[in-house]
Amino acid sequence: MSTIRAAVFERLRAWGVSAQVCDDALLVVSELVTNVITHTVSDHLECRLSVGAGLLHLEVEDQVRARTLPAPRTPDPDEHCGRGLLLVGAVSSAWGVRDAPHGPGRIVWAELPSRTEECH
């Protein structure tokens, strides 16, 4: 996980993404990658980033042919997990799930505004 976070941080810093968007993007990537690790048995995980038209687009792809789609849930206050997609929804301007274009799997994506300043 730390390798993915470091790579995302370096890319965002190179693009000049604002510190707040950088923090939000790292949170989103962490939650989406954690979901793949926790809820699938996929041998494949791919993280992609793009920026354009004022938006930062993040994608995490797995190779699981799942019958259920990732969806936010409402955990009990004492539960230690189950808030990941709620966090993704809170910091993203939009997010969703689509089928992977090649073979089994799915892509969970999120978009954030990409105000440019330096990422710290």
PDB file of N, CA and C in Angstrom:
ATOM      1  N   MET A   1       0.823  -1.192   0.000  1.00  0.00           N
ATOM      2  CA  MET A   1       0.000   0.000   0.000  1.00  0.00           C
ATOM      3  C   MET A   1       0.867   1.256   0.000  1.00  0.00           C
ATOM      4  N   SER A   2       1.928   1.262   0.788  1.00  0.00           N
ATOM      5  CA  SER A   2       2.760   2.472   0.870  1.00  0.00           C
ATOM      6  C   SER A   2       3.432   2.773  -0.470  1.00  0.00           C
ATOM      7  N   THR A   3       3.739   1.746  -1.252  1.00  0.00           N
ATOM      8  CA  THR A   3       4.340   1.955  -2.567  1.00  0.00           C
ATOM      9  C   THR A   3       3.356   2.655  -3.498  1.00  0.00           C
ATOM     10  N   ILE A   4       2.100   2.227  -3.475  1.00  0.00           N
ATOM     11  CA  ILE A   4       1.082   2.855  -4.313  1.00  0.00           C
ATOM     12  C   ILE A   4       0.869   4.302  -3.884  1.00  0.00           C
ATOM     13  N   ARG A   5       0.744   4.527  -2.579  1.00  0.00           N
ATOM     14  CA  ARG A   5       0.552   5.891  -2.072  1.00  0.00           C
ATOM     15  C   ARG A   5       1.727   6.789  -2.465  1.00  0.00           C
ATOM     16  N   ALA A   6       2.936   6.280  -2.366  1.00  0.00           N
ATOM     17  CA  ALA A   6       4.120   7.072  -2.716  1.00  0.00           C
ATOM     18  C   ALA A   6       4.114   7.411  -4.209  1.00  0.00           C
ATOM     19  N   ALA A   7       3.761   6.456  -5.044  1.00  0.00           N
ATOM     20  CA  ALA A   7       3.723   6.703  -6.491  1.00  0.00           C
ATOM     21  C   ALA A   7       2.649   7.731  -6.832  1.00  0.00           C
ATOM     22  N   VAL A   8       1.478   7.621  -6.200  1.00  0.00           N
ATOM     23  CA  VAL A   8       0.407   8.590  -6.443  1.00  0.00           C
ATOM     24  C   VAL A   8       0.844   9.975  -5.974  1.00  0.00           C
ATOM     25  N   PHE A   9       1.444  10.049  -4.799  1.00  0.00           N
ATOM     26  CA  PHE A   9       1.912  11.332  -4.279  1.00  0.00           C
ATOM     27  C   PHE A   9       2.910  11.984  -5.235  1.00  0.00           C
ATOM     28  N   GLU A  10       3.875  11.218  -5.719  1.00  0.00           N
ATOM     29  CA  GLU A  10       4.886  11.760  -6.629  1.00  0.00           C
ATOM     30  C   GLU A  10       4.262  12.262  -7.927  1.00  0.00           C
ATOM     31  N   ARG A  11       3.309  11.514  -8.464  1.00  0.00           N
ATOM     32  CA  ARG A  11       2.649  11.935  -9.705  1.00  0.00           C
ATOM     33  C   ARG A  11       1.862  13.223  -9.480  1.00  0.00           C
ATOM     34  N   LEU A  12       1.124  13.292  -8.389  1.00  0.00           N
ATOM     35  CA  LEU A  12       0.325  14.485  -8.109  1.00  0.00           C
ATOM     36  C   LEU A  12       1.214  15.703  -7.867  1.00  0.00           C
ATOM     37  N   ARG A  13       2.309  15.492  -7.175  1.00  0.00           N
ATOM     38  CA  ARG A  13       3.244  16.589  -6.941  1.00  0.00           C
ATOM     39  C   ARG A  13       3.828  17.088  -8.252  1.00  0.00           C
ATOM     40  N   ALA A  14       4.166  16.160  -9.148  1.00  0.00           N
ATOM     41  CA  ALA A  14       4.708  16.543 -10.455  1.00  0.00           C
ATOM     42  C   ALA A  14       3.682  17.328 -11.269  1.00  0.00           C
ATOM     43  N   TRP A  15       2.404  17.012 -11.102  1.00  0.00           N
ATOM     44  CA  TRP A  15       1.342  17.725 -11.808  1.00  0.00           C
ATOM     45  C   TRP A  15       0.974  19.044 -11.143  1.00  0.00           C
ATOM     46  N   GLY A  16       1.494  19.300  -9.945  1.00  0.00           N
ATOM     47  CA  GLY A  16       1.193  20.546  -9.254  1.00  0.00           C
ATOM     48  C   GLY A  16      -0.196  20.589  -8.637  1.00  0.00           C
ATOM     49  N   VAL A  17      -0.723  19.442  -8.272  1.00  0.00           N
ATOM     50  CA  VAL A  17      -2.051  19.367  -7.658  1.00  0.00           C
ATOM     51  C   VAL A  17      -1.983  19.976  -6.253  1.00  0.00           C
ATOM     52  N   SER A  18      -3.032  20.672  -5.843  1.00  0.00           N
ATOM     53  CA  SER A  18      -3.059  21.341  -4.540  1.00  0.00           C
ATOM     54  C   SER A  18      -2.889  20.342  -3.397  1.00  0.00           C
ATOM     55  N   ALA A  19      -2.409  20.828  -2.275  1.00  0.00           N
ATOM     56  CA  ALA A  19      -2.176  19.981  -1.107  1.00  0.00           C
ATOM     57  C   ALA A  19      -3.467  19.319  -0.643  1.00  0.00           C
ATOM     58  N   GLN A  20      -4.582  20.055  -0.630  1.00  0.00           N
ATOM     59  CA  GLN A  20      -5.853  19.486  -0.180  1.00  0.00           C
ATOM     60  C   GLN A  20      -6.325  18.381  -1.121  1.00  0.00           C
ATOM     61  N   VAL A  21      -6.234  18.614  -2.422  1.00  0.00           N
ATOM     62  CA  VAL A  21      -6.637  17.588  -3.387  1.00  0.00           C
ATOM     63  C   VAL A  21      -5.703  16.390  -3.289  1.00  0.00           C
ATOM     64  N   CYS A  22      -4.428  16.651  -3.073  1.00  0.00           N
ATOM     65  CA  CYS A  22      -3.454  15.572  -2.904  1.00  0.00           C
ATOM     66  C   CYS A  22      -3.840  14.704  -1.706  1.00  0.00           C
ATOM     67  N   ASP A  23      -4.146  15.322  -0.577  1.00  0.00           N
ATOM     68  CA  ASP A  23      -4.556  14.570   0.615  1.00  0.00           C
ATOM     69  C   ASP A  23      -5.817  13.761   0.343  1.00  0.00           C
ATOM     70  N   ASP A  24      -6.799  14.394  -0.297  1.00  0.00           N
ATOM     71  CA  ASP A  24      -8.050  13.702  -0.617  1.00  0.00           C
ATOM     72  C   ASP A  24      -7.801  12.537  -1.573  1.00  0.00           C
ATOM     73  N   ALA A  25      -6.956  12.751  -2.572  1.00  0.00           N
ATOM     74  CA  ALA A  25      -6.653  11.701  -3.543  1.00  0.00           C
ATOM     75  C   ALA A  25      -5.961  10.517  -2.872  1.00  0.00           C
ATOM     76  N   LEU A  26      -5.048  10.789  -1.965  1.00  0.00           N
ATOM     77  CA  LEU A  26      -4.362   9.713  -1.250  1.00  0.00           C
ATOM     78  C   LEU A  26      -5.345   8.924  -0.384  1.00  0.00           C
ATOM     79  N   LEU A  27      -6.298   9.610   0.223  1.00  0.00           N
ATOM     80  CA  LEU A  27      -7.333   8.929   0.998  1.00  0.00           C
ATOM     81  C   LEU A  27      -8.176   8.030   0.092  1.00  0.00           C
ATOM     82  N   VAL A  28      -8.609   8.566  -1.049  1.00  0.00           N
ATOM     83  CA  VAL A  28      -9.431   7.792  -1.984  1.00  0.00           C
ATOM     84  C   VAL A  28      -8.675   6.566  -2.482  1.00  0.00           C
ATOM     85  N   VAL A  29      -7.443   6.746  -2.920  1.00  0.00           N
ATOM     86  CA  VAL A  29      -6.652   5.620  -3.412  1.00  0.00           C
ATOM     87  C   VAL A  29      -6.479   4.578  -2.312  1.00  0.00           C
ATOM     88  N   SER A  30      -6.174   5.025  -1.100  1.00  0.00           N
ATOM     89  CA  SER A  30      -5.997   4.086   0.016  1.00  0.00           C
ATOM     90  C   SER A  30      -7.262   3.273   0.257  1.00  0.00           C
ATOM     91  N   GLU A  31      -8.402   3.930   0.257  1.00  0.00           N
ATOM     92  CA  GLU A  31      -9.664   3.223   0.501  1.00  0.00           C
ATOM     93  C   GLU A  31      -9.996   2.253  -0.625  1.00  0.00           C
ATOM     94  N   LEU A  32      -9.809   2.663  -1.873  1.00  0.00           N
ATOM     95  CA  LEU A  32     -10.140   1.789  -2.995  1.00  0.00           C
ATOM     96  C   LEU A  32      -9.203   0.585  -3.074  1.00  0.00           C
ATOM     97  N   VAL A  33      -7.914   0.809  -2.836  1.00  0.00           N
ATOM     98  CA  VAL A  33      -6.956  -0.303  -2.845  1.00  0.00           C
ATOM     99  C   VAL A  33      -7.232  -1.238  -1.673  1.00  0.00           C
ATOM    100  N   THR A  34      -7.514  -0.678  -0.516  1.00  0.00           N
ATOM    101  CA  THR A  34      -7.839  -1.505   0.651  1.00  0.00           C
ATOM    102  C   THR A  34      -9.057  -2.378   0.373  1.00  0.00           C
ATOM    103  N   ASN A  35     -10.058  -1.833  -0.323  1.00  0.00           N
ATOM    104  CA  ASN A  35     -11.240  -2.634  -0.655  1.00  0.00           C
ATOM    105  C   ASN A  35     -10.879  -3.815  -1.545  1.00  0.00           C
ATOM    106  N   VAL A  36     -10.010  -3.604  -2.511  1.00  0.00           N
ATOM    107  CA  VAL A  36      -9.594  -4.722  -3.373  1.00  0.00           C
ATOM    108  C   VAL A  36      -8.878  -5.775  -2.536  1.00  0.00           C
ATOM    109  N   ILE A  37      -7.962  -5.344  -1.685  1.00  0.00           N
ATOM    110  CA  ILE A  37      -7.188  -6.278  -0.866  1.00  0.00           C
ATOM    111  C   ILE A  37      -8.090  -7.017   0.117  1.00  0.00           C
ATOM    112  N   THR A  38      -9.040  -6.312   0.712  1.00  0.00           N
ATOM    113  CA  THR A  38      -9.887  -6.883   1.763  1.00  0.00           C
ATOM    114  C   THR A  38     -11.035  -7.726   1.225  1.00  0.00           C
ATOM    115  N   HIS A  39     -11.632  -7.301   0.120  1.00  0.00           N
ATOM    116  CA  HIS A  39     -12.881  -7.914  -0.319  1.00  0.00           C
ATOM    117  C   HIS A  39     -12.783  -8.748  -1.584  1.00  0.00           C
ATOM    118  N   THR A  40     -11.584  -8.945  -2.123  1.00  0.00           N
ATOM    119  CA  THR A  40     -11.453  -9.765  -3.324  1.00  0.00           C
ATOM    120  C   THR A  40     -10.296 -10.731  -3.159  1.00  0.00           C
ATOM    121  N   VAL A  41     -10.190 -11.627  -4.093  1.00  0.00           N
ATOM    122  CA  VAL A  41      -9.034 -12.520  -4.168  1.00  0.00           C
ATOM    123  C   VAL A  41      -8.308 -12.282  -5.489  1.00  0.00           C
ATOM    124  N   SER A  42      -8.329 -11.060  -5.952  1.00  0.00           N
ATOM    125  CA  SER A  42      -7.729 -10.696  -7.222  1.00  0.00           C
ATOM    126  C   SER A  42      -6.208 -10.743  -7.144  1.00  0.00           C
ATOM    127  N   ASP A  43      -5.599 -11.302  -8.186  1.00  0.00           N
ATOM    128  CA  ASP A  43      -4.142 -11.276  -8.309  1.00  0.00           C
ATOM    129  C   ASP A  43      -3.682 -10.018  -9.025  1.00  0.00           C
ATOM    130  N   HIS A  44      -4.619  -9.222  -9.459  1.00  0.00           N
ATOM    131  CA  HIS A  44      -4.316  -8.051 -10.277  1.00  0.00           C
ATOM    132  C   HIS A  44      -4.933  -6.817  -9.633  1.00  0.00           C
ATOM    133  N   LEU A  45      -4.123  -5.797  -9.492  1.00  0.00           N
ATOM    134  CA  LEU A  45      -4.604  -4.514  -8.999  1.00  0.00           C
ATOM    135  C   LEU A  45      -3.852  -3.451  -9.776  1.00  0.00           C
ATOM    136  N   GLU A  46      -4.587  -2.562 -10.368  1.00  0.00           N
ATOM    137  CA  GLU A  46      -3.969  -1.497 -11.157  1.00  0.00           C
ATOM    138  C   GLU A  46      -4.572  -0.171 -10.723  1.00  0.00           C
ATOM    139  N   CYS A  47      -3.716   0.824 -10.545  1.00  0.00           N
ATOM    140  CA  CYS A  47      -4.157   2.158 -10.159  1.00  0.00           C
ATOM    141  C   CYS A  47      -3.758   3.122 -11.268  1.00  0.00           C
ATOM    142  N   ARG A  48      -4.723   3.908 -11.754  1.00  0.00           N
ATOM    143  CA  ARG A  48      -4.446   4.869 -12.821  1.00  0.00           C
ATOM    144  C   ARG A  48      -4.928   6.249 -12.410  1.00  0.00           C
ATOM    145  N   LEU A  49      -4.210   7.262 -12.872  1.00  0.00           N
ATOM    146  CA  LEU A  49      -4.532   8.662 -12.599  1.00  0.00           C
ATOM    147  C   LEU A  49      -4.508   9.439 -13.898  1.00  0.00           C
ATOM    148  N   SER A  50      -5.384  10.419 -14.001  1.00  0.00           N
ATOM    149  CA  SER A  50      -5.311  11.367 -15.104  1.00  0.00           C
ATOM    150  C   SER A  50      -5.866  12.689 -14.611  1.00  0.00           C
ATOM    151  N   VAL A  51      -5.413  13.754 -15.240  1.00  0.00           N
ATOM    152  CA  VAL A  51      -5.887  15.075 -14.865  1.00  0.00           C
ATOM    153  C   VAL A  51      -6.233  15.834 -16.133  1.00  0.00           C
ATOM    154  N   GLY A  52      -7.335  16.569 -16.082  1.00  0.00           N
ATOM    155  CA  GLY A  52      -7.758  17.349 -17.234  1.00  0.00           C
ATOM    156  C   GLY A  52      -9.124  17.960 -16.999  1.00  0.00           C
ATOM    157  N   ALA A  53      -9.384  19.054 -17.653  1.00  0.00           N
ATOM    158  CA  ALA A  53     -10.671  19.752 -17.554  1.00  0.00           C
ATOM    159  C   ALA A  53     -11.034  20.057 -16.108  1.00  0.00           C
ATOM    160  N   GLY A  54     -10.028  20.369 -15.297  1.00  0.00           N
ATOM    161  CA  GLY A  54     -10.283  20.743 -13.912  1.00  0.00           C
ATOM    162  C   GLY A  54     -10.593  19.586 -12.987  1.00  0.00           C
ATOM    163  N   LEU A  55     -10.398  18.339 -13.454  1.00  0.00           N
ATOM    164  CA  LEU A  55     -10.687  17.173 -12.627  1.00  0.00           C
ATOM    165  C   LEU A  55      -9.497  16.228 -12.558  1.00  0.00           C
ATOM    166  N   LEU A  56      -9.325  15.638 -11.402  1.00  0.00           N
ATOM    167  CA  LEU A  56      -8.386  14.546 -11.206  1.00  0.00           C
ATOM    168  C   LEU A  56      -9.216  13.272 -11.211  1.00  0.00           C
ATOM    169  N   HIS A  57      -8.875  12.352 -12.104  1.00  0.00           N
ATOM    170  CA  HIS A  57      -9.617  11.099 -12.240  1.00  0.00           C
ATOM    171  C   HIS A  57      -8.734   9.969 -11.716  1.00  0.00           C
ATOM    172  N   LEU A  58      -9.247   9.186 -10.754  1.00  0.00           N
ATOM    173  CA  LEU A  58      -8.529   8.065 -10.148  1.00  0.00           C
ATOM    174  C   LEU A  58      -9.271   6.779 -10.457  1.00  0.00           C
ATOM    175  N   GLU A  59      -8.540   5.729 -10.767  1.00  0.00           N
ATOM    176  CA  GLU A  59      -9.156   4.425 -11.012  1.00  0.00           C
ATOM    177  C   GLU A  59      -8.356   3.338 -10.314  1.00  0.00           C
ATOM    178  N   VAL A  60      -9.068   2.371  -9.755  1.00  0.00           N
ATOM    179  CA  VAL A  60      -8.447   1.164  -9.223  1.00  0.00           C
ATOM    180  C   VAL A  60      -9.174  -0.010  -9.852  1.00  0.00           C
ATOM    181  N   GLU A  61      -8.407  -0.864 -10.538  1.00  0.00           N
ATOM    182  CA  GLU A  61      -8.967  -2.001 -11.267  1.00  0.00           C
ATOM    183  C   GLU A  61      -8.538  -3.306 -10.618  1.00  0.00           C
ATOM    184  N   ASP A  62      -9.479  -4.242 -10.531  1.00  0.00           N
ATOM    185  CA  ASP A  62      -9.161  -5.595 -10.078  1.00  0.00           C
ATOM    186  C   ASP A  62      -9.571  -6.570 -11.176  1.00  0.00           C
ATOM    187  N   GLN A  63      -9.343  -7.859 -10.962  1.00  0.00           N
ATOM    188  CA  GLN A  63      -9.724  -8.865 -11.954  1.00  0.00           C
ATOM    189  C   GLN A  63     -10.734  -9.846 -11.377  1.00  0.00           C
ATOM    190  N   VAL A  64     -11.633  -9.358 -10.589  1.00  0.00           N
ATOM    191  CA  VAL A  64     -12.623 -10.212  -9.955  1.00  0.00           C
ATOM    192  C   VAL A  64     -13.946 -10.082 -10.687  1.00  0.00           C
ATOM    193  N   ARG A  65     -14.483 -11.183 -11.083  1.00  0.00           N
ATOM    194  CA  ARG A  65     -15.832 -11.168 -11.664  1.00  0.00           C
ATOM    195  C   ARG A  65     -16.782 -11.302 -10.470  1.00  0.00           C
ATOM    196  N   ALA A  66     -17.283 -10.172 -10.021  1.00  0.00           N
ATOM    197  CA  ALA A  66     -18.108 -10.157  -8.821  1.00  0.00           C
ATOM    198  C   ALA A  66     -19.580 -10.034  -9.180  1.00  0.00           C
ATOM    199  N   ARG A  67     -20.401 -10.662  -8.379  1.00  0.00           N
ATOM    200  CA  ARG A  67     -21.847 -10.552  -8.590  1.00  0.00           C
ATOM    201  C   ARG A  67     -22.399  -9.309  -7.916  1.00  0.00           C
ATOM    202  N   THR A  68     -21.689  -8.828  -6.931  1.00  0.00           N
ATOM    203  CA  THR A  68     -22.146  -7.622  -6.236  1.00  0.00           C
ATOM    204  C   THR A  68     -21.182  -6.486  -6.524  1.00  0.00           C
ATOM    205  N   LEU A  69     -21.710  -5.299  -6.580  1.00  0.00           N
ATOM    206  CA  LEU A  69     -20.891  -4.114  -6.816  1.00  0.00           C
ATOM    207  C   LEU A  69     -20.539  -3.462  -5.488  1.00  0.00           C
ATOM    208  N   PRO A  70     -19.372  -2.828  -5.428  1.00  0.00           N
ATOM    209  CA  PRO A  70     -19.043  -2.092  -4.215  1.00  0.00           C
ATOM    210  C   PRO A  70     -20.113  -1.028  -3.968  1.00  0.00           C
ATOM    211  N   ALA A  71     -20.532  -0.913  -2.731  1.00  0.00           N
ATOM    212  CA  ALA A  71     -21.556   0.072  -2.380  1.00  0.00           C
ATOM    213  C   ALA A  71     -21.310   0.555  -0.953  1.00  0.00           C
ATOM    214  N   PRO A  72     -21.573   1.829  -0.707  1.00  0.00           N
ATOM    215  CA  PRO A  72     -21.414   2.315   0.664  1.00  0.00           C
ATOM    216  C   PRO A  72     -22.419   1.623   1.581  1.00  0.00           C
ATOM    217  N   ARG A  73     -22.038   1.474   2.809  1.00  0.00           N
ATOM    218  CA  ARG A  73     -22.956   0.921   3.795  1.00  0.00           C
ATOM    219  C   ARG A  73     -22.932   1.813   5.024  1.00  0.00           C
ATOM    220  N   THR A  74     -23.830   1.582   5.918  1.00  0.00           N
ATOM    221  CA  THR A  74     -23.885   2.376   7.136  1.00  0.00           C
ATOM    222  C   THR A  74     -23.502   1.484   8.308  1.00  0.00           C
ATOM    223  N   PRO A  75     -22.236   1.543   8.718  1.00  0.00           N
ATOM    224  CA  PRO A  75     -21.802   0.685   9.820  1.00  0.00           C
ATOM    225  C   PRO A  75     -22.326   1.213  11.159  1.00  0.00           C
ATOM    226  N   ASP A  76     -22.428   0.312  12.104  1.00  0.00           N
ATOM    227  CA  ASP A  76     -22.761   0.723  13.462  1.00  0.00           C
ATOM    228  C   ASP A  76     -21.633   1.592  14.003  1.00  0.00           C
ATOM    229  N   PRO A  77     -21.935   2.506  14.912  1.00  0.00           N
ATOM    230  CA  PRO A  77     -20.900   3.407  15.445  1.00  0.00           C
ATOM    231  C   PRO A  77     -19.700   2.689  16.057  1.00  0.00           C
ATOM    232  N   ASP A  78     -19.911   1.479  16.586  1.00  0.00           N
ATOM    233  CA  ASP A  78     -18.812   0.756  17.230  1.00  0.00           C
ATOM    234  C   ASP A  78     -17.995  -0.099  16.271  1.00  0.00           C
ATOM    235  N   GLU A  79     -18.431  -0.226  15.023  1.00  0.00           N
ATOM    236  CA  GLU A  79     -17.687  -1.022  14.054  1.00  0.00           C
ATOM    237  C   GLU A  79     -16.400  -0.306  13.665  1.00  0.00           C
ATOM    238  N   HIS A  80     -15.357  -1.094  13.427  1.00  0.00           N
ATOM    239  CA  HIS A  80     -14.052  -0.529  13.073  1.00  0.00           C
ATOM    240  C   HIS A  80     -13.826  -0.438  11.575  1.00  0.00           C
ATOM    241  N   CYS A  81     -14.754  -0.908  10.786  1.00  0.00           N
ATOM    242  CA  CYS A  81     -14.592  -0.862   9.334  1.00  0.00           C
ATOM    243  C   CYS A  81     -15.930  -0.535   8.688  1.00  0.00           C
ATOM    244  N   GLY A  82     -15.939  -0.430   7.358  1.00  0.00           N
ATOM    245  CA  GLY A  82     -17.177  -0.211   6.636  1.00  0.00           C
ATOM    246  C   GLY A  82     -17.449   1.228   6.240  1.00  0.00           C
ATOM    247  N   ARG A  83     -16.456   2.100   6.398  1.00  0.00           N
ATOM    248  CA  ARG A  83     -16.663   3.513   6.084  1.00  0.00           C
ATOM    249  C   ARG A  83     -15.908   3.974   4.842  1.00  0.00           C
ATOM    250  N   GLY A  84     -15.180   3.079   4.202  1.00  0.00           N
ATOM    251  CA  GLY A  84     -14.315   3.452   3.092  1.00  0.00           C
ATOM    252  C   GLY A  84     -15.022   4.167   1.960  1.00  0.00           C
ATOM    253  N   LEU A  85     -16.106   3.582   1.455  1.00  0.00           N
ATOM    254  CA  LEU A  85     -16.803   4.213   0.334  1.00  0.00           C
ATOM    255  C   LEU A  85     -17.564   5.458   0.771  1.00  0.00           C
ATOM    256  N   LEU A  86     -17.945   5.523   2.038  1.00  0.00           N
ATOM    257  CA  LEU A  86     -18.533   6.766   2.551  1.00  0.00           C
ATOM    258  C   LEU A  86     -17.506   7.890   2.497  1.00  0.00           C
ATOM    259  N   LEU A  87     -16.257   7.579   2.859  1.00  0.00           N
ATOM    260  CA  LEU A  87     -15.174   8.569   2.775  1.00  0.00           C
ATOM    261  C   LEU A  87     -14.901   8.958   1.326  1.00  0.00           C
ATOM    262  N   VAL A  88     -14.870   7.973   0.451  1.00  0.00           N
ATOM    263  CA  VAL A  88     -14.645   8.256  -0.973  1.00  0.00           C
ATOM    264  C   VAL A  88     -15.729   9.211  -1.477  1.00  0.00           C
ATOM    265  N   GLY A  89     -16.971   8.939  -1.146  1.00  0.00           N
ATOM    266  CA  GLY A  89     -18.067   9.797  -1.560  1.00  0.00           C
ATOM    267  C   GLY A  89     -17.995  11.187  -0.958  1.00  0.00           C
ATOM    268  N   ALA A  90     -17.497  11.274   0.261  1.00  0.00           N
ATOM    269  CA  ALA A  90     -17.432  12.570   0.942  1.00  0.00           C
ATOM    270  C   ALA A  90     -16.386  13.495   0.337  1.00  0.00           C
ATOM    271  N   VAL A  91     -15.270  12.964  -0.126  1.00  0.00           N
ATOM    272  CA  VAL A  91     -14.198  13.820  -0.633  1.00  0.00           C
ATOM    273  C   VAL A  91     -14.170  13.919  -2.163  1.00  0.00           C
ATOM    274  N   SER A  92     -14.946  13.085  -2.845  1.00  0.00           N
ATOM    275  CA  SER A  92     -14.969  13.076  -4.307  1.00  0.00           C
ATOM    276  C   SER A  92     -16.157  13.875  -4.823  1.00  0.00           C
ATOM    277  N   SER A  93     -15.997  14.447  -6.009  1.00  0.00           N
ATOM    278  CA  SER A  93     -17.145  15.104  -6.633  1.00  0.00           C
ATOM    279  C   SER A  93     -18.049  14.075  -7.301  1.00  0.00           C
ATOM    280  N   ALA A  94     -17.498  12.904  -7.639  1.00  0.00           N
ATOM    281  CA  ALA A  94     -18.264  11.801  -8.211  1.00  0.00           C
ATOM    282  C   ALA A  94     -17.434  10.530  -8.068  1.00  0.00           C
ATOM    283  N   TRP A  95     -18.111   9.385  -8.004  1.00  0.00           N
ATOM    284  CA  TRP A  95     -17.418   8.099  -8.028  1.00  0.00           C
ATOM    285  C   TRP A  95     -18.388   7.048  -8.553  1.00  0.00           C
ATOM    286  N   GLY A  96     -17.837   5.922  -9.006  1.00  0.00           N
ATOM    287  CA  GLY A  96     -18.691   4.871  -9.514  1.00  0.00           C
ATOM    288  C   GLY A  96     -17.907   3.606  -9.811  1.00  0.00           C
ATOM    289  N   VAL A  97     -18.601   2.653 -10.417  1.00  0.00           N
ATOM    290  CA  VAL A  97     -18.019   1.349 -10.733  1.00  0.00           C
ATOM    291  C   VAL A  97     -18.406   1.012 -12.164  1.00  0.00           C
ATOM    292  N   ARG A  98     -17.472   0.434 -12.907  1.00  0.00           N
ATOM    293  CA  ARG A  98     -17.783  -0.056 -14.247  1.00  0.00           C
ATOM    294  C   ARG A  98     -16.989  -1.337 -14.497  1.00  0.00           C
ATOM    295  N   ASP A  99     -17.425  -2.102 -15.473  1.00  0.00           N
ATOM    296  CA  ASP A  99     -16.715  -3.321 -15.837  1.00  0.00           C
ATOM    297  C   ASP A  99     -15.364  -2.968 -16.435  1.00  0.00           C
ATOM    298  N   ALA A 100     -14.376  -3.799 -16.160  1.00  0.00           N
ATOM    299  CA  ALA A 100     -13.066  -3.639 -16.794  1.00  0.00           C
ATOM    300  C   ALA A 100     -13.218  -3.929 -18.286  1.00  0.00           C
ATOM    301  N   PRO A 101     -12.499  -3.201 -19.140  1.00  0.00           N
ATOM    302  CA  PRO A 101     -12.693  -3.366 -20.578  1.00  0.00           C
ATOM    303  C   PRO A 101     -12.146  -4.680 -21.147  1.00  0.00           C
ATOM    304  N   HIS A 102     -11.177  -5.287 -20.485  1.00  0.00           N
ATOM    305  CA  HIS A 102     -10.542  -6.500 -21.008  1.00  0.00           C
ATOM    306  C   HIS A 102     -10.631  -7.601 -19.956  1.00  0.00           C
ATOM    307  N   GLY A 103     -11.471  -8.574 -20.192  1.00  0.00           N
ATOM    308  CA  GLY A 103     -11.576  -9.699 -19.279  1.00  0.00           C
ATOM    309  C   GLY A 103     -12.414  -9.386 -18.057  1.00  0.00           C
ATOM    310  N   PRO A 104     -12.369 -10.310 -17.091  1.00  0.00           N
ATOM    311  CA  PRO A 104     -13.168 -10.109 -15.886  1.00  0.00           C
ATOM    312  C   PRO A 104     -12.587  -8.979 -15.047  1.00  0.00           C
ATOM    313  N   GLY A 105     -13.403  -8.439 -14.236  1.00  0.00           N
ATOM    314  CA  GLY A 105     -12.933  -7.414 -13.324  1.00  0.00           C
ATOM    315  C   GLY A 105     -13.787  -6.172 -13.378  1.00  0.00           C
ATOM    316  N   ARG A 106     -13.416  -5.248 -12.532  1.00  0.00           N
ATOM    317  CA  ARG A 106     -14.153  -3.990 -12.461  1.00  0.00           C
ATOM    318  C   ARG A 106     -13.191  -2.869 -12.138  1.00  0.00           C
ATOM    319  N   ILE A 107     -13.653  -1.679 -12.406  1.00  0.00           N
ATOM    320  CA  ILE A 107     -12.894  -0.471 -12.121  1.00  0.00           C
ATOM    321  C   ILE A 107     -13.760   0.389 -11.214  1.00  0.00           C
ATOM    322  N   VAL A 108     -13.211   0.740 -10.067  1.00  0.00           N
ATOM    323  CA  VAL A 108     -13.860   1.715  -9.195  1.00  0.00           C
ATOM    324  C   VAL A 108     -13.117   3.014  -9.428  1.00  0.00           C
ATOM    325  N   TRP A 109     -13.849   4.081  -9.735  1.00  0.00           N
ATOM    326  CA  TRP A 109     -13.232   5.351 -10.097  1.00  0.00           C
ATOM    327  C   TRP A 109     -13.789   6.466  -9.215  1.00  0.00           C
ATOM    328  N   ALA A 110     -13.030   7.533  -9.142  1.00  0.00           N
ATOM    329  CA  ALA A 110     -13.468   8.726  -8.405  1.00  0.00           C
ATOM    330  C   ALA A 110     -12.876   9.945  -9.094  1.00  0.00           C
ATOM    331  N   GLU A 111     -13.586  11.057  -8.985  1.00  0.00           N
ATOM    332  CA  GLU A 111     -13.100  12.331  -9.523  1.00  0.00           C
ATOM    333  C   GLU A 111     -13.077  13.368  -8.417  1.00  0.00           C
ATOM    334  N   LEU A 112     -12.034  14.185  -8.469  1.00  0.00           N
ATOM    335  CA  LEU A 112     -11.875  15.285  -7.524  1.00  0.00           C
ATOM    336  C   LEU A 112     -11.523  16.525  -8.326  1.00  0.00           C
ATOM    337  N   PRO A 113     -11.910  17.698  -7.860  1.00  0.00           N
ATOM    338  CA  PRO A 113     -11.451  18.917  -8.542  1.00  0.00           C
ATOM    339  C   PRO A 113      -9.932  18.976  -8.455  1.00  0.00           C
ATOM    340  N   SER A 114      -9.272  19.441  -9.494  1.00  0.00           N
ATOM    341  CA  SER A 114      -7.796  19.402  -9.522  1.00  0.00           C
ATOM    342  C   SER A 114      -7.165  20.783  -9.433  1.00  0.00           C
ATOM    343  N   ARG A 115      -7.615  21.579  -8.490  1.00  0.00           N
ATOM    344  CA  ARG A 115      -6.984  22.897  -8.321  1.00  0.00           C
ATOM    345  C   ARG A 115      -5.472  22.708  -8.303  1.00  0.00           C
ATOM    346  N   THR A 116      -4.773  23.578  -9.010  1.00  0.00           N
ATOM    347  CA  THR A 116      -3.327  23.414  -9.064  1.00  0.00           C
ATOM    348  C   THR A 116      -2.635  24.377  -8.123  1.00  0.00           C
ATOM    349  N   GLU A 117      -1.809  23.821  -7.323  1.00  0.00           N
ATOM    350  CA  GLU A 117      -0.872  24.472  -6.431  1.00  0.00           C
ATOM    351  C   GLU A 117       0.131  23.390  -6.127  1.00  0.00           C
ATOM    352  N   GLU A 118       1.029  23.632  -5.246  1.00  0.00           N
ATOM    353  CA  GLU A 118       2.016  22.606  -4.974  1.00  0.00           C
ATOM    354  C   GLU A 118       1.519  21.623  -3.942  1.00  0.00           C
ATOM    355  N   CYS A 119       1.732  20.336  -4.210  1.00  0.00           N
ATOM    356  CA  CYS A 119       1.390  19.264  -3.290  1.00  0.00           C
ATOM    357  C   CYS A 119       2.566  19.110  -2.307  1.00  0.00           C
ATOM    358  N   HIS A 120       2.292  19.153  -1.018  1.00  0.00           N
ATOM    359  CA  HIS A 120       3.368  19.104   0.005  1.00  0.00           C
ATOM    360  C   HIS A 120       3.503  17.734   0.592  1.00  0.00           C
TER     361      HIS A 120
END
